[in-house]
PDB file of N, CA and C in Angstrom:
ATOM      1  N   MET A   1       0.786  -1.419   0.080  1.00  0.00           N
ATOM      2  CA  MET A   1      -0.102   0.056   0.167  1.00  0.00           C
ATOM      3  C   MET A   1       0.911   1.273  -0.191  1.00  0.00           C
ATOM      4  N   SER A   2       0.085   2.111  -0.979  1.00  0.00           N
ATOM      5  CA  SER A   2       1.418   3.408  -0.987  1.00  0.00           C
ATOM      6  C   SER A   2       1.324   4.250   0.487  1.00  0.00           C
ATOM      7  N   LEU A   3       2.367   5.035   0.993  1.00  0.00           N
ATOM      8  CA  LEU A   3       2.120   5.745   1.849  1.00  0.00           C
ATOM      9  C   LEU A   3       1.201   7.297   1.363  1.00  0.00           C
ATOM     10  N   PHE A   4       1.266   7.265   0.015  1.00  0.00           N
ATOM     11  CA  PHE A   4       0.294   8.290  -0.291  1.00  0.00           C
ATOM     12  C   PHE A   4      -0.552   8.319  -1.362  1.00  0.00           C
ATOM     13  N   PRO A   5      -1.838   7.706  -0.577  1.00  0.00           N
ATOM     14  CA  PRO A   5      -2.715   7.150  -1.593  1.00  0.00           C
ATOM     15  C   PRO A   5      -3.274   8.349  -2.028  1.00  0.00           C
ATOM     16  N   HIS A   6      -3.632   9.598  -2.057  1.00  0.00           N
ATOM     17  CA  HIS A   6      -4.250  10.688  -2.116  1.00  0.00           C
ATOM     18  C   HIS A   6      -3.349  11.102  -3.377  1.00  0.00           C
ATOM     19  N   ILE A   7      -2.520  10.709  -3.524  1.00  0.00           N
ATOM     20  CA  ILE A   7      -1.355  11.165  -4.948  1.00  0.00           C
ATOM     21  C   ILE A   7      -2.057  10.371  -6.368  1.00  0.00           C
ATOM     22  N   LYS A   8      -2.281   9.125  -6.111  1.00  0.00           N
ATOM     23  CA  LYS A   8      -3.039   8.409  -6.789  1.00  0.00           C
ATOM     24  C   LYS A   8      -4.781   8.821  -7.197  1.00  0.00           C
ATOM     25  N   VAL A   9      -5.401   9.126  -6.361  1.00  0.00           N
ATOM     26  CA  VAL A   9      -6.399   9.581  -6.480  1.00  0.00           C
ATOM     27  C   VAL A   9      -6.422  11.296  -6.849  1.00  0.00           C
ATOM     28  N   CYS A  10      -5.778  12.040  -6.787  1.00  0.00           N
ATOM     29  CA  CYS A  10      -5.367  13.191  -7.377  1.00  0.00           C
ATOM     30  C   CYS A  10      -4.880  12.574  -8.663  1.00  0.00           C
ATOM     31  N   LYS A  11      -4.239  12.170  -9.283  1.00  0.00           N
ATOM     32  CA  LYS A  11      -3.908  11.744 -10.466  1.00  0.00           C
ATOM     33  C   LYS A  11      -5.192  11.120 -11.487  1.00  0.00           C
ATOM     34  N   ARG A  12      -5.847  10.828 -10.791  1.00  0.00           N
ATOM     35  CA  ARG A  12      -6.978   9.989 -11.833  1.00  0.00           C
ATOM     36  C   ARG A  12      -8.468  10.885 -11.607  1.00  0.00           C
ATOM     37  N   SER A  13      -8.363  12.201 -11.124  1.00  0.00           N
ATOM     38  CA  SER A  13      -9.596  12.676 -10.773  1.00  0.00           C
ATOM     39  C   SER A  13      -9.312  14.324 -12.221  1.00  0.00           C
ATOM     40  N   ASN A  14     -10.203  14.133 -12.345  1.00  0.00           N
ATOM     41  CA  ASN A  14     -10.552  15.160 -13.498  1.00  0.00           C
ATOM     42  C   ASN A  14     -10.693  16.346 -13.383  1.00  0.00           C
ATOM     43  N   PHE A  15     -11.233  16.732 -11.596  1.00  0.00           N
ATOM     44  CA  PHE A  15     -11.280  18.225 -11.112  1.00  0.00           C
ATOM     45  C   PHE A  15     -11.303  18.096  -9.601  1.00  0.00           C
ATOM     46  N   ILE A  16     -10.581  18.893  -9.207  1.00  0.00           N
ATOM     47  CA  ILE A  16      -9.797  19.375  -7.555  1.00  0.00           C
ATOM     48  C   ILE A  16     -10.144  20.609  -7.098  1.00  0.00           C
ATOM     49  N   PHE A  17     -10.997  21.172  -6.037  1.00  0.00           N
ATOM     50  CA  PHE A  17     -11.118  22.339  -5.803  1.00  0.00           C
ATOM     51  C   PHE A  17     -11.450  22.440  -4.563  1.00  0.00           C
ATOM     52  N   ALA A  18     -11.319  23.857  -3.713  1.00  0.00           N
ATOM     53  CA  ALA A  18     -11.710  23.987  -2.271  1.00  0.00           C
ATOM     54  C   ALA A  18     -12.960  25.021  -2.396  1.00  0.00           C
ATOM     55  N   GLY A  19     -14.007  24.815  -1.739  1.00  0.00           N
ATOM     56  CA  GLY A  19     -14.673  25.468  -1.800  1.00  0.00           C
ATOM     57  C   GLY A  19     -15.930  26.013  -0.463  1.00  0.00           C
ATOM     58  N   LYS A  20     -16.500  26.696  -0.595  1.00  0.00           N
ATOM     59  CA  LYS A  20     -17.593  26.783   0.726  1.00  0.00           C
ATOM     60  C   LYS A  20     -18.941  26.023   0.356  1.00  0.00           C
ATOM     61  N   ILE A  21     -19.729  25.322   1.483  1.00  0.00           N
ATOM     62  CA  ILE A  21     -20.601  24.508   0.907  1.00  0.00           C
ATOM     63  C   ILE A  21     -22.141  26.025   1.346  1.00  0.00           C
ATOM     64  N   ILE A  22     -22.794  25.690   0.310  1.00  0.00           N
ATOM     65  CA  ILE A  22     -23.716  26.768   0.359  1.00  0.00           C
ATOM     66  C   ILE A  22     -25.382  26.637   0.823  1.00  0.00           C
ATOM     67  N   SER A  23     -25.367  24.848   0.433  1.00  0.00           N
ATOM     68  CA  SER A  23     -26.517  24.658   1.013  1.00  0.00           C
ATOM     69  C   SER A  23     -26.443  22.894   1.243  1.00  0.00           C
ATOM     70  N   LYS A  24     -27.174  22.243   2.352  1.00  0.00           N
ATOM     71  CA  LYS A  24     -26.893  21.080   2.029  1.00  0.00           C
ATOM     72  C   LYS A  24     -28.654  20.218   2.377  1.00  0.00           C
ATOM     73  N   THR A  25     -28.863  19.368   1.853  1.00  0.00           N
ATOM     74  CA  THR A  25     -30.032  18.923   1.768  1.00  0.00           C
ATOM     75  C   THR A  25     -29.919  16.636   1.981  1.00  0.00           C
ATOM     76  N   ILE A  26     -30.743  16.438   2.901  1.00  0.00           N
ATOM     77  CA  ILE A  26     -30.474  14.955   3.290  1.00  0.00           C
ATOM     78  C   ILE A  26     -31.613  14.527   2.857  1.00  0.00           C
ATOM     79  N   PHE A  27     -31.759  13.404   1.949  1.00  0.00           N
ATOM     80  CA  PHE A  27     -32.954  12.912   1.093  1.00  0.00           C
ATOM     81  C   PHE A  27     -32.641  11.469   1.117  1.00  0.00           C
ATOM     82  N   SER A  28     -33.577  10.338   1.251  1.00  0.00           N
ATOM     83  CA  SER A  28     -33.356   9.409   1.066  1.00  0.00           C
ATOM     84  C   SER A  28     -33.806   8.513  -0.461  1.00  0.00           C
ATOM     85  N   ILE A  29     -32.902   7.491  -0.815  1.00  0.00           N
ATOM     86  CA  ILE A  29     -33.258   6.473  -2.237  1.00  0.00           C
ATOM     87  C   ILE A  29     -33.634   5.298  -1.714  1.00  0.00           C
ATOM     88  N   GLU A  30     -34.703   5.047  -2.565  1.00  0.00           N
ATOM     89  CA  GLU A  30     -35.145   3.377  -2.028  1.00  0.00           C
ATOM     90  C   GLU A  30     -34.277   2.621  -3.567  1.00  0.00           C
ATOM     91  N   VAL A  31     -33.577   1.284  -2.984  1.00  0.00           N
ATOM     92  CA  VAL A  31     -32.790   0.521  -3.813  1.00  0.00           C
ATOM     93  C   VAL A  31     -33.460  -0.843  -4.005  1.00  0.00           C
ATOM     94  N   GLY A  32     -33.980  -0.689  -5.252  1.00  0.00           N
ATOM     95  CA  GLY A  32     -34.435  -1.626  -6.292  1.00  0.00           C
ATOM     96  C   GLY A  32     -35.490  -2.668  -5.294  1.00  0.00           C
ATOM     97  N   ASP A  33     -35.522  -4.017  -6.012  1.00  0.00           N
ATOM     98  CA  ASP A  33     -36.386  -4.898  -5.372  1.00  0.00           C
ATOM     99  C   ASP A  33     -36.012  -5.027  -3.603  1.00  0.00           C
ATOM    100  N   ILE A  34     -34.988  -4.518  -2.901  1.00  0.00           N
ATOM    101  CA  ILE A  34     -35.076  -4.754  -1.630  1.00  0.00           C
ATOM    102  C   ILE A  34     -35.657  -4.199  -0.537  1.00  0.00           C
ATOM    103  N   ASN A  35     -36.566  -3.243  -1.516  1.00  0.00           N
ATOM    104  CA  ASN A  35     -37.346  -2.328   0.037  1.00  0.00           C
ATOM    105  C   ASN A  35     -36.545  -1.506   0.678  1.00  0.00           C
ATOM    106  N   GLN A  36     -35.651  -1.223   0.747  1.00  0.00           N
ATOM    107  CA  GLN A  36     -34.462  -0.368   1.619  1.00  0.00           C
ATOM    108  C   GLN A  36     -34.184   0.966   1.600  1.00  0.00           C
ATOM    109  N   PHE A  37     -34.400   1.188   2.297  1.00  0.00           N
ATOM    110  CA  PHE A  37     -34.212   3.546   1.894  1.00  0.00           C
ATOM    111  C   PHE A  37     -32.617   3.400   2.193  1.00  0.00           C
ATOM    112  N   PHE A  38     -31.656   4.228   1.561  1.00  0.00           N
ATOM    113  CA  PHE A  38     -30.393   4.882   2.123  1.00  0.00           C
ATOM    114  C   PHE A  38     -30.329   6.345   1.976  1.00  0.00           C
ATOM    115  N   LYS A  39     -30.180   6.679   3.131  1.00  0.00           N
ATOM    116  CA  LYS A  39     -29.673   8.664   3.336  1.00  0.00           C
ATOM    117  C   LYS A  39     -28.098   9.055   2.370  1.00  0.00           C
ATOM    118  N   LYS A  40     -28.736   9.739   1.327  1.00  0.00           N
ATOM    119  CA  LYS A  40     -27.920  10.619   0.994  1.00  0.00           C
ATOM    120  C   LYS A  40     -28.023  12.328   1.485  1.00  0.00           C
ATOM    121  N   ALA A  41     -26.725  12.420   0.742  1.00  0.00           N
ATOM    122  CA  ALA A  41     -26.987  14.493   1.304  1.00  0.00           C
ATOM    123  C   ALA A  41     -26.049  14.979  -0.405  1.00  0.00           C
ATOM    124  N   LYS A  42     -27.148  16.304  -0.570  1.00  0.00           N
ATOM    125  CA  LYS A  42     -26.838  16.879  -1.342  1.00  0.00           C
ATOM    126  C   LYS A  42     -26.246  17.905  -1.085  1.00  0.00           C
ATOM    127  N   TYR A  43     -24.893  18.385  -1.738  1.00  0.00           N
ATOM    128  CA  TYR A  43     -24.126  19.583  -0.915  1.00  0.00           C
ATOM    129  C   TYR A  43     -24.140  20.913  -2.478  1.00  0.00           C
ATOM    130  N   GLU A  44     -24.620  21.672  -1.954  1.00  0.00           N
ATOM    131  CA  GLU A  44     -24.203  22.913  -3.211  1.00  0.00           C
ATOM    132  C   GLU A  44     -22.700  23.543  -3.029  1.00  0.00           C
ATOM    133  N   ILE A  45     -21.756  23.879  -3.619  1.00  0.00           N
ATOM    134  CA  ILE A  45     -20.336  24.130  -2.933  1.00  0.00           C
ATOM    135  C   ILE A  45     -20.378  25.786  -4.215  1.00  0.00           C
ATOM    136  N   GLU A  46     -19.574  26.712  -2.937  1.00  0.00           N
ATOM    137  CA  GLU A  46     -19.295  27.519  -4.093  1.00  0.00           C
ATOM    138  C   GLU A  46     -18.010  27.674  -4.406  1.00  0.00           C
ATOM    139  N   ILE A  47     -17.366  27.605  -5.391  1.00  0.00           N
ATOM    140  CA  ILE A  47     -15.666  26.842  -5.858  1.00  0.00           C
ATOM    141  C   ILE A  47     -15.199  28.455  -5.302  1.00  0.00           C
ATOM    142  N   LYS A  48     -14.144  28.076  -4.702  1.00  0.00           N
ATOM    143  CA  LYS A  48     -12.833  29.752  -4.451  1.00  0.00           C
ATOM    144  C   LYS A  48     -11.824  29.053  -4.833  1.00  0.00           C
ATOM    145  N   SER A  49     -11.520  27.686  -5.048  1.00  0.00           N
ATOM    146  CA  SER A  49      -9.793  27.833  -5.663  1.00  0.00           C
ATOM    147  C   SER A  49     -10.382  26.396  -6.624  1.00  0.00           C
ATOM    148  N   ILE A  50      -9.440  26.235  -7.746  1.00  0.00           N
ATOM    149  CA  ILE A  50      -9.536  24.867  -8.602  1.00  0.00           C
ATOM    150  C   ILE A  50      -7.984  24.659  -8.620  1.00  0.00           C
ATOM    151  N   TYR A  51      -7.542  23.388  -8.171  1.00  0.00           N
ATOM    152  CA  TYR A  51      -6.519  23.161  -8.459  1.00  0.00           C
ATOM    153  C   TYR A  51      -6.054  22.281  -9.728  1.00  0.00           C
ATOM    154  N   LYS A  52      -7.476  21.583 -10.466  1.00  0.00           N
ATOM    155  CA  LYS A  52      -6.930  20.480 -11.420  1.00  0.00           C
ATOM    156  C   LYS A  52      -8.682  20.842 -12.119  1.00  0.00           C
ATOM    157  N   GLY A  53      -8.455  21.139 -13.263  1.00  0.00           N
ATOM    158  CA  GLY A  53      -9.682  21.104 -14.393  1.00  0.00           C
ATOM    159  C   GLY A  53     -10.421  22.297 -14.706  1.00  0.00           C
ATOM    160  N   LYS A  54     -11.561  22.267 -15.405  1.00  0.00           N
ATOM    161  CA  LYS A  54     -11.908  23.674 -15.530  1.00  0.00           C
ATOM    162  C   LYS A  54     -13.498  23.566 -15.609  1.00  0.00           C
ATOM    163  N   THR A  55     -14.283  24.556 -15.130  1.00  0.00           N
ATOM    164  CA  THR A  55     -15.544  24.530 -15.086  1.00  0.00           C
ATOM    165  C   THR A  55     -16.290  26.036 -15.653  1.00  0.00           C
ATOM    166  N   ILE A  56     -17.200  25.836 -16.167  1.00  0.00           N
ATOM    167  CA  ILE A  56     -18.256  27.079 -16.601  1.00  0.00           C
ATOM    168  C   ILE A  56     -18.805  27.943 -15.171  1.00  0.00           C
ATOM    169  N   LYS A  57     -19.094  27.229 -14.202  1.00  0.00           N
ATOM    170  CA  LYS A  57     -20.046  27.541 -13.089  1.00  0.00           C
ATOM    171  C   LYS A  57     -18.693  27.788 -12.169  1.00  0.00           C
ATOM    172  N   ASP A  58     -19.777  28.268 -11.008  1.00  0.00           N
ATOM    173  CA  ASP A  58     -18.974  29.233 -10.099  1.00  0.00           C
ATOM    174  C   ASP A  58     -19.570  28.658  -8.901  1.00  0.00           C
ATOM    175  N   THR A  59     -20.555  27.112  -9.054  1.00  0.00           N
ATOM    176  CA  THR A  59     -20.771  26.338  -7.847  1.00  0.00           C
ATOM    177  C   THR A  59     -21.041  24.946  -8.554  1.00  0.00           C
ATOM    178  N   VAL A  60     -20.736  23.960  -7.970  1.00  0.00           N
ATOM    179  CA  VAL A  60     -20.837  22.595  -8.286  1.00  0.00           C
ATOM    180  C   VAL A  60     -21.998  22.024  -6.963  1.00  0.00           C
ATOM    181  N   VAL A  61     -22.453  20.530  -7.422  1.00  0.00           N
ATOM    182  CA  VAL A  61     -23.051  19.929  -6.774  1.00  0.00           C
ATOM    183  C   VAL A  61     -22.747  18.367  -6.268  1.00  0.00           C
ATOM    184  N   VAL A  62     -22.577  18.232  -5.227  1.00  0.00           N
ATOM    185  CA  VAL A  62     -22.089  16.475  -4.687  1.00  0.00           C
ATOM    186  C   VAL A  62     -22.756  15.640  -3.666  1.00  0.00           C
ATOM    187  N   ILE A  63     -22.835  14.906  -4.290  1.00  0.00           N
ATOM    188  CA  ILE A  63     -24.079  13.928  -3.633  1.00  0.00           C
ATOM    189  C   ILE A  63     -23.293  12.601  -3.205  1.00  0.00           C
ATOM    190  N   THR A  64     -23.356  12.644  -1.822  1.00  0.00           N
ATOM    191  CA  THR A  64     -22.940  11.419  -1.080  1.00  0.00           C
ATOM    192  C   THR A  64     -23.532  10.722  -0.265  1.00  0.00           C
ATOM    193  N   GLY A  65     -23.167   9.328   0.386  1.00  0.00           N
ATOM    194  CA  GLY A  65     -23.330   8.421   1.443  1.00  0.00           C
ATOM    195  C   GLY A  65     -23.299   9.258   2.346  1.00  0.00           C
ATOM    196  N   ILE A  66     -24.181   9.319   3.742  1.00  0.00           N
ATOM    197  CA  ILE A  66     -24.001   9.767   4.837  1.00  0.00           C
ATOM    198  C   ILE A  66     -23.718   8.733   6.253  1.00  0.00           C
ATOM    199  N   GLY A  67     -22.952   7.696   6.007  1.00  0.00           N
ATOM    200  CA  GLY A  67     -22.630   6.816   7.023  1.00  0.00           C
ATOM    201  C   GLY A  67     -22.479   5.584   6.825  1.00  0.00           C
ATOM    202  N   GLY A  68     -21.931   4.946   7.561  1.00  0.00           N
ATOM    203  CA  GLY A  68     -22.220   3.427   6.982  1.00  0.00           C
ATOM    204  C   GLY A  68     -20.818   2.534   6.282  1.00  0.00           C
ATOM    205  N   GLY A  69     -19.996   3.516   5.927  1.00  0.00           N
ATOM    206  CA  GLY A  69     -18.263   3.374   5.121  1.00  0.00           C
ATOM    207  C   GLY A  69     -19.063   3.366   3.470  1.00  0.00           C
ATOM    208  N   ASP A  70     -20.187   4.186   3.387  1.00  0.00           N
ATOM    209  CA  ASP A  70     -20.323   4.299   2.011  1.00  0.00           C
ATOM    210  C   ASP A  70     -19.826   5.404   1.342  1.00  0.00           C
ATOM    211  N   CYS A  71     -19.141   6.257   1.912  1.00  0.00           N
ATOM    212  CA  CYS A  71     -18.084   7.257   1.333  1.00  0.00           C
ATOM    213  C   CYS A  71     -16.813   7.118   1.223  1.00  0.00           C
ATOM    214  N   GLY A  72     -16.134   7.314  -0.131  1.00  0.00           N
ATOM    215  CA  GLY A  72     -14.676   7.410  -0.140  1.00  0.00           C
ATOM    216  C   GLY A  72     -14.088   7.681  -0.928  1.00  0.00           C
ATOM    217  N   TYR A  73     -12.954   7.103  -1.364  1.00  0.00           N
ATOM    218  CA  TYR A  73     -12.230   7.713  -2.982  1.00  0.00           C
ATOM    219  C   TYR A  73     -13.296   7.437  -4.215  1.00  0.00           C
TER     220      TYR A  73
END
């Protein structure tokens, strides 16, 4: 295992930025036939700095899990 796994992640990422969260919404999705719901978070982020990539907008939306080991690289 690499001592710097973030370097690999940065190399294969198309867009790396820093910003400020301007809104957060929690919602649930139902997964197929198992009739189970999973919580997700939707963040709208105002871009302050771009380290890699380009965008034509000044905000981005990120949707991610909120627990249970569902968030990562």
